[in-house]
Amino acid sequence: MSKTSPSAPDLHVDSLLAHGGGGFDLATGAVVPPIQTATTFVRDESYELRNPGHLYSRDDNDLFVKTEGLIAALEGGAESRLFASGMAAIAAIARTVRPGGTLLAQSGIYWGTTLFLRKLCARSNVALVETEASELEIFLEEISVTKPDLVWLEVPSNPFLKVADIRSIAARCKEMGAVLCVDATAATPLILKPLNLGADLVMHSATKALNGHSDLLGGVVTTADADSEAWAFVREERKLAGAVLGSFETWLLLRGLRTLSLRVERMNDNARKLAAFLDGHPKVETVLYPGLASHPQHELAKSMMTGGFGSLLSAQINGGKGEALKVAGALDLFQRATSLGGTESLVEHRFTIEGEGSGIPENLLRISVGIEHIDDLIADLDQALSVI
């Protein structure tokens, strides 16, 4: 157990994060919480729990409570729940739609999400509608016509970095009785707070920037309303289906969150400068990044995002697949790997990962910008582009 910390409104988010949500271990005075490895908890002679709320570790874990409370505070939400991976969190939310219902999903998002939703809906008798959300009037009309049970957005989208109007879509969802969930993984809660814009649920792959060190799998869902029917299902799904995060992974996530403000500040600054460099390079066809004034949703992004535009960007290289792979292969500092949000900068040829049917251009490189010095990142990209 930890000492009660000052309430979130009393502290700047940077201070809240630096102290891992506040408090210290009462038993030892340690400023870092202990890792509880027990899976079950004893009862007394009268068969009463010795510590109320500690029955079985699938749902009863002090580290869960501490970390979930910190993330809920970051999101401006009522409650959060941790999951074993980002996809486990997505699965729990998607299953709120009952057989015979309808799920409206933004098209052109993370392929893993799209593929899962297609397979889940096909075997669960759920109608899946995929529509481009950055075309606002078309998307709003789709909500009115299809009357979905759940609307799924990804802001900014991965890997096309499109930005949907969360406020307007949330208002239409409320009119039609639909639950709106936003995957804001690429932005982090420090840049984008979908719940403040009207969304019902916000989801993050904690594997990415929340942890920030590429050493755990995790997911988290936060709700604006802890009494909603959708949230009751998500809570039950986590507890009964058992897609829980381990104690050690939760401890790593809480440790990673302590430096989130510093990492996000550096990563966003680096991404902005890299996008500007690539945008003016003669061997780059297009740069996809909402922080660029040329981005079609730049003004919308400015109205919803604070402190930056995220650390993910994509660049389409002049030529085709061969040229893009040559550039990726010539990079020295950027590591060629899947994922995003870590301290190290990564480059990925998305078409190679997702293949035919994904809609990914063959000349697209997705770049996750880390915390290295910007001069080194620019120099590495510049020399790599010189090979084509």
Protein backbone atom coordinates (compact mmCIF):
# COMPACT_ATOMS: atom_id res chain seq x y z
CA MET A 1 0.00 0.00 0.00
CA SER A 2 1.20 3.54 -0.68
CA LYS A 3 0.62 6.80 1.08
CA THR A 4 -2.24 8.83 -0.34
CA SER A 5 -0.88 11.36 -2.81
CA PRO A 6 -2.10 14.89 -3.52
CA SER A 7 -5.02 14.92 -5.93
CA ALA A 8 -4.16 15.33 -9.60
CA PRO A 9 -5.58 18.89 -9.93
CA ASP A 10 -3.13 20.04 -7.25
CA LEU A 11 -0.09 19.09 -9.31
CA HIS A 12 1.24 19.87 -12.77
CA VAL A 13 1.21 16.75 -14.91
CA ASP A 14 5.03 16.77 -15.07
CA SER A 15 5.23 16.51 -11.27
CA LEU A 16 2.51 13.86 -11.12
CA LEU A 17 4.43 11.74 -13.63
CA ALA A 18 7.84 12.27 -12.04
CA HIS A 19 6.54 10.80 -8.79
CA GLY A 20 4.78 7.92 -10.52
CA GLY A 21 1.41 9.14 -9.30
CA GLY A 22 2.73 10.12 -5.87
CA GLY A 23 3.06 8.37 -2.54
CA PHE A 24 5.52 5.91 -1.04
CA ASP A 25 5.42 2.37 0.30
CA LEU A 26 4.09 2.49 3.86
CA ALA A 27 5.83 -0.72 4.89
CA THR A 28 9.36 0.42 4.02
CA GLY A 29 9.22 4.09 3.06
CA ALA A 30 10.55 3.20 -0.41
CA VAL A 31 9.98 5.87 -3.04
CA VAL A 32 9.58 3.13 -5.66
CA PRO A 33 6.62 0.77 -5.23
CA PRO A 34 7.37 -2.94 -4.68
CA ILE A 35 6.48 -5.64 -7.19
CA GLN A 36 3.84 -7.94 -5.74
CA THR A 37 4.35 -11.38 -7.27
CA ALA A 38 1.71 -13.27 -5.26
CA THR A 39 -1.24 -14.55 -7.27
CA THR A 40 -3.53 -15.24 -4.31
CA PHE A 41 -4.16 -13.79 -0.85
CA VAL A 42 -5.00 -15.53 2.44
CA ARG A 43 -8.13 -15.24 4.59
CA ASP A 44 -8.37 -15.21 8.37
CA GLU A 45 -9.90 -17.84 10.67
CA SER A 46 -13.39 -16.50 9.93
CA TYR A 47 -12.68 -16.78 6.22
CA GLU A 48 -12.65 -13.00 5.80
CA LEU A 49 -10.07 -11.45 3.53
CA ARG A 50 -7.15 -10.16 5.60
CA ASN A 51 -6.89 -7.23 3.20
CA PRO A 52 -10.19 -6.24 1.55
CA GLY A 53 -9.86 -6.02 -2.20
CA HIS A 54 -7.10 -8.63 -2.33
CA LEU A 55 -8.56 -11.92 -3.45
CA TYR A 56 -6.77 -12.93 -6.66
CA SER A 57 -4.16 -11.09 -8.67
CA ARG A 58 -6.02 -11.20 -11.98
CA ASP A 59 -7.84 -8.07 -10.82
CA ASP A 60 -6.47 -7.32 -7.34
CA ASN A 61 -3.05 -5.73 -7.72
CA ASP A 62 -1.89 -2.53 -6.02
CA LEU A 63 0.41 -1.74 -8.95
CA PHE A 64 -2.58 -1.93 -11.31
CA VAL A 65 -4.50 0.50 -9.13
CA LYS A 66 -1.59 2.96 -8.87
CA THR A 67 -0.74 2.88 -12.58
CA GLU A 68 -4.35 2.96 -13.74
CA GLY A 69 -5.04 5.91 -11.45
CA LEU A 70 -2.11 7.84 -12.91
CA ILE A 71 -3.19 7.18 -16.51
CA ALA A 72 -6.81 8.13 -15.75
CA ALA A 73 -5.52 11.42 -14.33
CA LEU A 74 -3.46 12.03 -17.49
CA GLU A 75 -6.50 11.38 -19.69
CA GLY A 76 -8.91 13.44 -17.62
CA GLY A 77 -10.95 10.25 -17.26
CA ALA A 78 -12.88 8.46 -14.53
CA GLU A 79 -11.15 5.05 -14.58
CA SER A 80 -8.56 3.09 -16.54
CA ARG A 81 -7.87 -0.61 -17.00
CA LEU A 82 -4.58 -2.19 -18.04
CA PHE A 83 -4.45 -5.07 -20.52
CA ALA A 84 -1.79 -7.55 -21.59
CA SER A 85 -1.28 -5.76 -24.92
CA GLY A 86 -2.72 -3.01 -27.05
CA MET A 87 -4.53 -5.60 -29.14
CA ALA A 88 -6.04 -7.15 -26.00
CA ALA A 89 -7.42 -3.72 -25.11
CA ILE A 90 -8.81 -3.29 -28.64
CA ALA A 91 -10.40 -6.74 -28.46
CA ALA A 92 -12.16 -5.95 -25.19
CA ILE A 93 -13.64 -2.73 -26.60
CA ALA A 94 -14.68 -4.34 -29.89
CA ARG A 95 -16.51 -7.11 -28.03
CA THR A 96 -18.85 -4.54 -26.50
CA VAL A 97 -20.75 -4.81 -29.80
CA ARG A 98 -23.23 -7.64 -29.54
CA PRO A 99 -24.05 -10.07 -32.41
CA GLY A 100 -26.36 -8.33 -34.83
CA GLY A 101 -24.86 -4.93 -34.02
CA THR A 102 -22.77 -2.56 -36.14
CA LEU A 103 -19.21 -1.30 -35.77
CA LEU A 104 -18.09 1.72 -37.78
CA ALA A 105 -14.32 1.91 -38.10
CA GLN A 106 -12.07 4.53 -39.63
CA SER A 107 -10.37 3.18 -42.73
CA GLY A 108 -6.62 3.42 -43.35
CA ILE A 109 -5.63 2.81 -39.73
CA TYR A 110 -3.18 0.35 -38.14
CA TRP A 111 -3.48 -2.81 -40.19
CA GLY A 112 -3.45 -5.05 -37.12
CA THR A 113 -6.59 -3.31 -35.83
CA THR A 114 -8.32 -3.47 -39.20
CA LEU A 115 -7.52 -7.15 -39.70
CA PHE A 116 -8.67 -8.07 -36.19
CA LEU A 117 -11.94 -6.14 -36.54
CA ARG A 118 -12.65 -7.79 -39.88
CA LYS A 119 -12.11 -11.28 -38.49
CA LEU A 120 -13.96 -10.65 -35.22
CA CYS A 121 -16.99 -9.11 -36.90
CA ALA A 122 -17.16 -11.85 -39.55
CA ARG A 123 -17.34 -14.63 -36.96
CA SER A 124 -19.52 -12.72 -34.48
CA ASN A 125 -22.33 -11.60 -36.81
CA VAL A 126 -21.40 -7.95 -36.41
CA ALA A 127 -21.69 -5.61 -39.39
CA LEU A 128 -18.38 -3.82 -39.99
CA VAL A 129 -18.37 -0.57 -41.96
CA GLU A 130 -15.03 1.05 -42.87
CA THR A 131 -15.05 4.72 -43.88
CA GLU A 132 -12.44 7.48 -44.22
CA ALA A 133 -12.90 9.61 -41.10
CA SER A 134 -10.89 12.61 -42.26
CA GLU A 135 -13.71 13.30 -44.76
CA LEU A 136 -15.91 14.66 -41.99
CA GLU A 137 -19.28 15.09 -43.70
CA ILE A 138 -19.08 11.62 -45.25
CA PHE A 139 -18.19 10.07 -41.90
CA LEU A 140 -20.95 11.94 -40.05
CA GLU A 141 -23.47 10.81 -42.64
CA GLU A 142 -22.26 7.23 -42.22
CA ILE A 143 -22.94 7.45 -38.48
CA SER A 144 -26.47 8.75 -39.13
CA VAL A 145 -27.24 6.08 -41.72
CA THR A 146 -25.69 2.99 -40.14
CA LYS A 147 -26.51 3.89 -36.51
CA PRO A 148 -23.47 1.97 -35.21
CA ASP A 149 -23.12 0.64 -31.68
CA LEU A 150 -19.41 1.49 -31.65
CA VAL A 151 -17.36 4.00 -33.64
CA TRP A 152 -13.60 3.43 -33.79
CA LEU A 153 -11.15 6.24 -34.57
CA GLU A 154 -7.36 6.41 -34.62
CA VAL A 155 -5.91 9.92 -34.19
CA PRO A 156 -3.44 10.50 -35.74
CA SER A 157 -3.86 7.45 -37.96
CA ASN A 158 -1.04 4.97 -38.50
CA PRO A 159 0.76 5.18 -40.92
CA PHE A 160 -1.03 7.91 -42.92
CA LEU A 161 -1.15 10.45 -40.06
CA LYS A 162 -4.66 11.61 -40.90
CA VAL A 163 -6.58 13.55 -38.27
CA ALA A 164 -10.31 13.08 -37.63
CA ASP A 165 -12.49 15.75 -36.04
CA ILE A 166 -13.14 14.10 -32.67
CA ARG A 167 -15.42 16.88 -31.39
CA SER A 168 -17.82 16.74 -34.34
CA ILE A 169 -17.82 12.95 -34.51
CA ALA A 170 -18.41 12.67 -30.75
CA ALA A 171 -21.41 15.01 -31.00
CA ARG A 172 -22.96 12.93 -33.80
CA CYS A 173 -22.26 9.70 -31.88
CA LYS A 174 -24.15 11.07 -28.87
CA GLU A 175 -27.09 12.00 -31.10
CA MET A 176 -27.21 8.45 -32.49
CA GLY A 177 -26.48 6.61 -29.23
CA ALA A 178 -23.12 5.25 -30.40
CA VAL A 179 -20.07 4.68 -28.21
CA LEU A 180 -16.99 6.49 -29.51
CA CYS A 181 -13.53 5.07 -28.84
CA VAL A 182 -10.32 6.78 -29.97
CA ASP A 183 -6.96 5.05 -30.27
CA ALA A 184 -4.59 7.92 -29.44
CA THR A 185 -1.41 5.83 -29.23
CA ALA A 186 0.54 7.95 -31.70
CA ALA A 187 -0.20 11.15 -29.78
CA THR A 188 0.01 10.17 -26.07
CA PRO A 189 -2.29 11.76 -23.44
CA LEU A 190 0.11 14.72 -23.16
CA ILE A 191 -0.67 15.74 -26.75
CA LEU A 192 -4.28 14.63 -27.25
CA LYS A 193 -7.08 14.05 -24.74
CA PRO A 194 -10.03 12.54 -26.67
CA LEU A 195 -12.23 12.31 -23.55
CA ASN A 196 -12.08 16.10 -23.21
CA LEU A 197 -13.28 16.32 -26.82
CA GLY A 198 -16.33 14.14 -26.20
CA ALA A 199 -15.11 10.57 -26.75
CA ASP A 200 -16.45 7.86 -24.43
CA LEU A 201 -13.32 5.71 -24.37
CA VAL A 202 -9.66 6.27 -25.21
CA MET A 203 -7.21 3.45 -25.83
CA HIS A 204 -3.41 3.31 -25.97
CA SER A 205 -0.92 0.63 -26.76
CA ALA A 206 1.16 1.08 -23.60
CA THR A 207 3.88 -0.82 -25.45
CA LYS A 208 4.63 2.42 -27.26
CA ALA A 209 5.35 5.88 -25.79
CA LEU A 210 3.64 5.38 -22.42
CA ASN A 211 6.32 2.84 -21.53
CA GLY A 212 8.81 4.29 -24.00
CA HIS A 213 11.59 1.73 -23.71
CA SER A 214 10.57 -1.09 -26.09
CA ASP A 215 10.66 -3.68 -23.33
CA LEU A 216 7.06 -4.60 -22.54
CA LEU A 217 3.70 -5.37 -24.15
CA GLY A 218 0.72 -3.59 -22.66
CA GLY A 219 -2.52 -1.79 -23.38
CA VAL A 220 -4.81 0.56 -21.48
CA VAL A 221 -8.38 1.78 -21.84
CA THR A 222 -9.79 4.83 -20.05
CA THR A 223 -13.41 5.88 -19.74
CA ALA A 224 -15.13 9.21 -19.29
CA ASP A 225 -18.01 7.52 -17.43
CA ALA A 226 -17.28 4.74 -14.93
CA ASP A 227 -21.00 3.87 -14.77
CA SER A 228 -21.57 3.32 -18.49
CA GLU A 229 -22.66 -0.01 -19.91
CA ALA A 230 -19.64 -0.14 -22.21
CA TRP A 231 -17.26 0.38 -19.30
CA ALA A 232 -18.95 -2.31 -17.22
CA PHE A 233 -18.27 -4.73 -20.08
CA VAL A 234 -14.62 -3.65 -20.46
CA ARG A 235 -14.01 -4.08 -16.71
CA GLU A 236 -15.62 -7.51 -16.73
CA GLU A 237 -13.76 -8.55 -19.88
CA ARG A 238 -10.41 -7.70 -18.28
CA LYS A 239 -11.24 -9.54 -15.07
CA LEU A 240 -12.99 -12.64 -16.41
CA ALA A 241 -11.26 -13.14 -19.76
CA GLY A 242 -7.91 -12.66 -18.03
CA ALA A 243 -5.99 -10.51 -20.51
CA VAL A 244 -4.14 -8.84 -17.64
CA LEU A 245 -0.73 -7.24 -17.49
CA GLY A 246 1.88 -8.94 -15.30
CA SER A 247 3.15 -7.30 -12.12
CA PHE A 248 6.67 -6.81 -13.47
CA GLU A 249 5.36 -5.33 -16.73
CA THR A 250 3.12 -2.97 -14.76
CA TRP A 251 6.10 -1.88 -12.68
CA LEU A 252 8.08 -1.22 -15.88
CA LEU A 253 5.18 0.80 -17.29
CA LEU A 254 4.95 2.92 -14.15
CA ARG A 255 8.70 3.50 -14.29
CA GLY A 256 8.45 4.51 -17.94
CA LEU A 257 5.62 6.94 -17.21
CA ARG A 258 7.88 8.86 -14.82
CA THR A 259 9.85 10.26 -17.78
CA LEU A 260 6.94 10.58 -20.21
CA SER A 261 6.88 14.39 -20.17
CA LEU A 262 10.59 14.69 -20.93
CA ARG A 263 10.50 12.04 -23.65
CA VAL A 264 7.42 13.44 -25.36
CA GLU A 265 8.87 16.95 -25.37
CA ARG A 266 12.12 15.81 -27.04
CA MET A 267 10.46 13.33 -29.42
CA ASN A 268 7.89 15.86 -30.63
CA ASP A 269 10.53 18.53 -31.17
CA ASN A 270 12.69 16.07 -33.10
CA ALA A 271 9.72 14.92 -35.20
CA ARG A 272 8.80 18.48 -36.14
CA LYS A 273 12.35 19.25 -37.27
CA LEU A 274 12.72 15.95 -39.14
CA ALA A 275 9.42 16.48 -40.94
CA ALA A 276 10.53 19.94 -42.03
CA PHE A 277 13.86 18.56 -43.27
CA LEU A 278 12.23 15.77 -45.26
CA ASP A 279 9.51 18.06 -46.60
CA GLY A 280 12.13 20.13 -48.37
CA HIS A 281 14.26 17.23 -49.63
CA PRO A 282 14.37 16.68 -53.40
CA LYS A 283 14.31 12.87 -53.05
CA VAL A 284 11.18 12.80 -50.92
CA GLU A 285 7.82 12.75 -52.69
CA THR A 286 5.53 13.44 -49.73
CA VAL A 287 5.80 13.83 -45.96
CA LEU A 288 2.80 12.80 -43.88
CA TYR A 289 2.82 14.68 -40.57
CA PRO A 290 0.03 16.83 -39.05
CA GLY A 291 2.57 19.34 -37.73
CA LEU A 292 3.34 20.55 -41.26
CA ALA A 293 1.34 23.54 -42.45
CA SER A 294 0.82 21.68 -45.74
CA HIS A 295 -0.97 18.81 -44.02
CA PRO A 296 -4.69 18.87 -45.03
CA GLN A 297 -5.83 18.62 -41.40
CA HIS A 298 -3.11 20.84 -39.88
CA GLU A 299 -5.52 23.47 -38.51
CA LEU A 300 -7.81 20.77 -37.11
CA ALA A 301 -4.83 19.09 -35.46
CA LYS A 302 -3.81 22.43 -33.91
CA SER A 303 -7.30 22.84 -32.46
CA MET A 304 -7.20 19.44 -30.71
CA MET A 305 -3.55 18.77 -29.93
CA THR A 306 -1.32 20.65 -27.49
CA GLY A 307 2.45 20.68 -27.09
CA GLY A 308 3.17 19.03 -30.42
CA PHE A 309 1.77 16.67 -33.03
CA GLY A 310 3.24 13.34 -32.00
CA SER A 311 6.51 11.61 -32.82
CA LEU A 312 5.29 9.46 -35.71
CA LEU A 313 5.62 10.49 -39.35
CA SER A 314 5.74 8.85 -42.74
CA ALA A 315 7.69 9.76 -45.88
CA GLN A 316 7.08 8.56 -49.40
CA ILE A 317 10.40 8.26 -51.23
CA ASN A 318 10.79 9.22 -54.88
CA GLY A 319 10.55 6.03 -56.91
CA GLY A 320 9.07 2.79 -55.65
CA LYS A 321 9.66 -0.11 -53.33
CA GLY A 322 13.30 -0.54 -54.36
CA GLU A 323 14.25 3.05 -53.63
CA ALA A 324 12.46 3.05 -50.27
CA LEU A 325 14.23 -0.15 -49.22
CA LYS A 326 17.60 1.27 -50.30
CA VAL A 327 17.09 4.30 -48.10
CA ALA A 328 15.99 2.18 -45.14
CA GLY A 329 18.96 -0.13 -45.66
CA ALA A 330 21.44 2.76 -45.73
CA LEU A 331 20.39 4.18 -42.36
CA ASP A 332 22.89 3.76 -39.53
CA LEU A 333 21.38 5.46 -36.48
CA PHE A 334 17.74 4.66 -37.22
CA GLN A 335 17.03 1.04 -36.39
CA ARG A 336 15.03 -1.03 -38.87
CA ALA A 337 12.28 -2.41 -36.64
CA THR A 338 8.52 -2.48 -36.12
CA SER A 339 6.85 -0.39 -33.39
CA LEU A 340 6.98 3.22 -32.27
CA GLY A 341 7.26 5.46 -29.23
CA GLY A 342 10.60 4.23 -27.87
CA THR A 343 13.67 6.27 -26.99
CA GLU A 344 15.39 4.96 -30.12
CA SER A 345 14.34 6.12 -33.60
CA LEU A 346 12.95 3.39 -35.85
CA VAL A 347 12.27 3.11 -39.56
CA GLU A 348 9.87 0.64 -41.09
CA HIS A 349 8.94 -0.26 -44.64
CA ARG A 350 5.24 -0.79 -43.91
CA PHE A 351 4.44 -2.54 -47.20
CA THR A 352 6.92 -5.30 -46.37
CA ILE A 353 5.20 -5.81 -43.00
CA GLU A 354 1.58 -5.55 -44.14
CA GLY A 355 1.76 -6.66 -47.77
CA GLU A 356 -0.86 -6.70 -50.52
CA GLY A 357 -4.36 -5.68 -49.55
CA SER A 358 -3.25 -3.27 -46.85
CA GLY A 359 -3.37 -0.20 -49.09
CA ILE A 360 0.14 0.89 -48.04
CA PRO A 361 2.16 2.58 -50.82
CA GLU A 362 5.31 0.62 -51.64
CA ASN A 363 7.50 3.73 -51.37
CA LEU A 364 6.34 4.64 -47.84
CA LEU A 365 8.70 4.60 -44.87
CA ARG A 366 7.19 5.03 -41.44
CA ILE A 367 9.46 6.78 -38.97
CA SER A 368 9.17 6.68 -35.19
CA VAL A 369 11.27 9.53 -33.84
CA GLY A 370 13.21 8.99 -30.63
CA ILE A 371 15.18 11.17 -28.24
CA GLU A 372 18.56 11.23 -30.02
CA HIS A 373 20.16 14.55 -30.93
CA ILE A 374 18.37 16.07 -33.92
CA ASP A 375 21.60 16.82 -35.80
CA ASP A 376 22.48 13.11 -35.80
CA LEU A 377 19.01 12.08 -36.97
CA ILE A 378 19.02 14.57 -39.84
CA ALA A 379 22.54 13.61 -40.87
CA ASP A 380 21.61 9.92 -40.96
CA LEU A 381 18.55 10.52 -43.12
CA ASP A 382 20.48 12.84 -45.40
CA GLN A 383 23.24 10.32 -46.09
CA ALA A 384 20.71 7.52 -46.58
CA LEU A 385 18.72 9.51 -49.12
CA SER A 386 21.93 10.16 -51.05
CA VAL A 387 22.10 6.48 -52.10
CA ILE A 388 19.18 6.87 -54.53
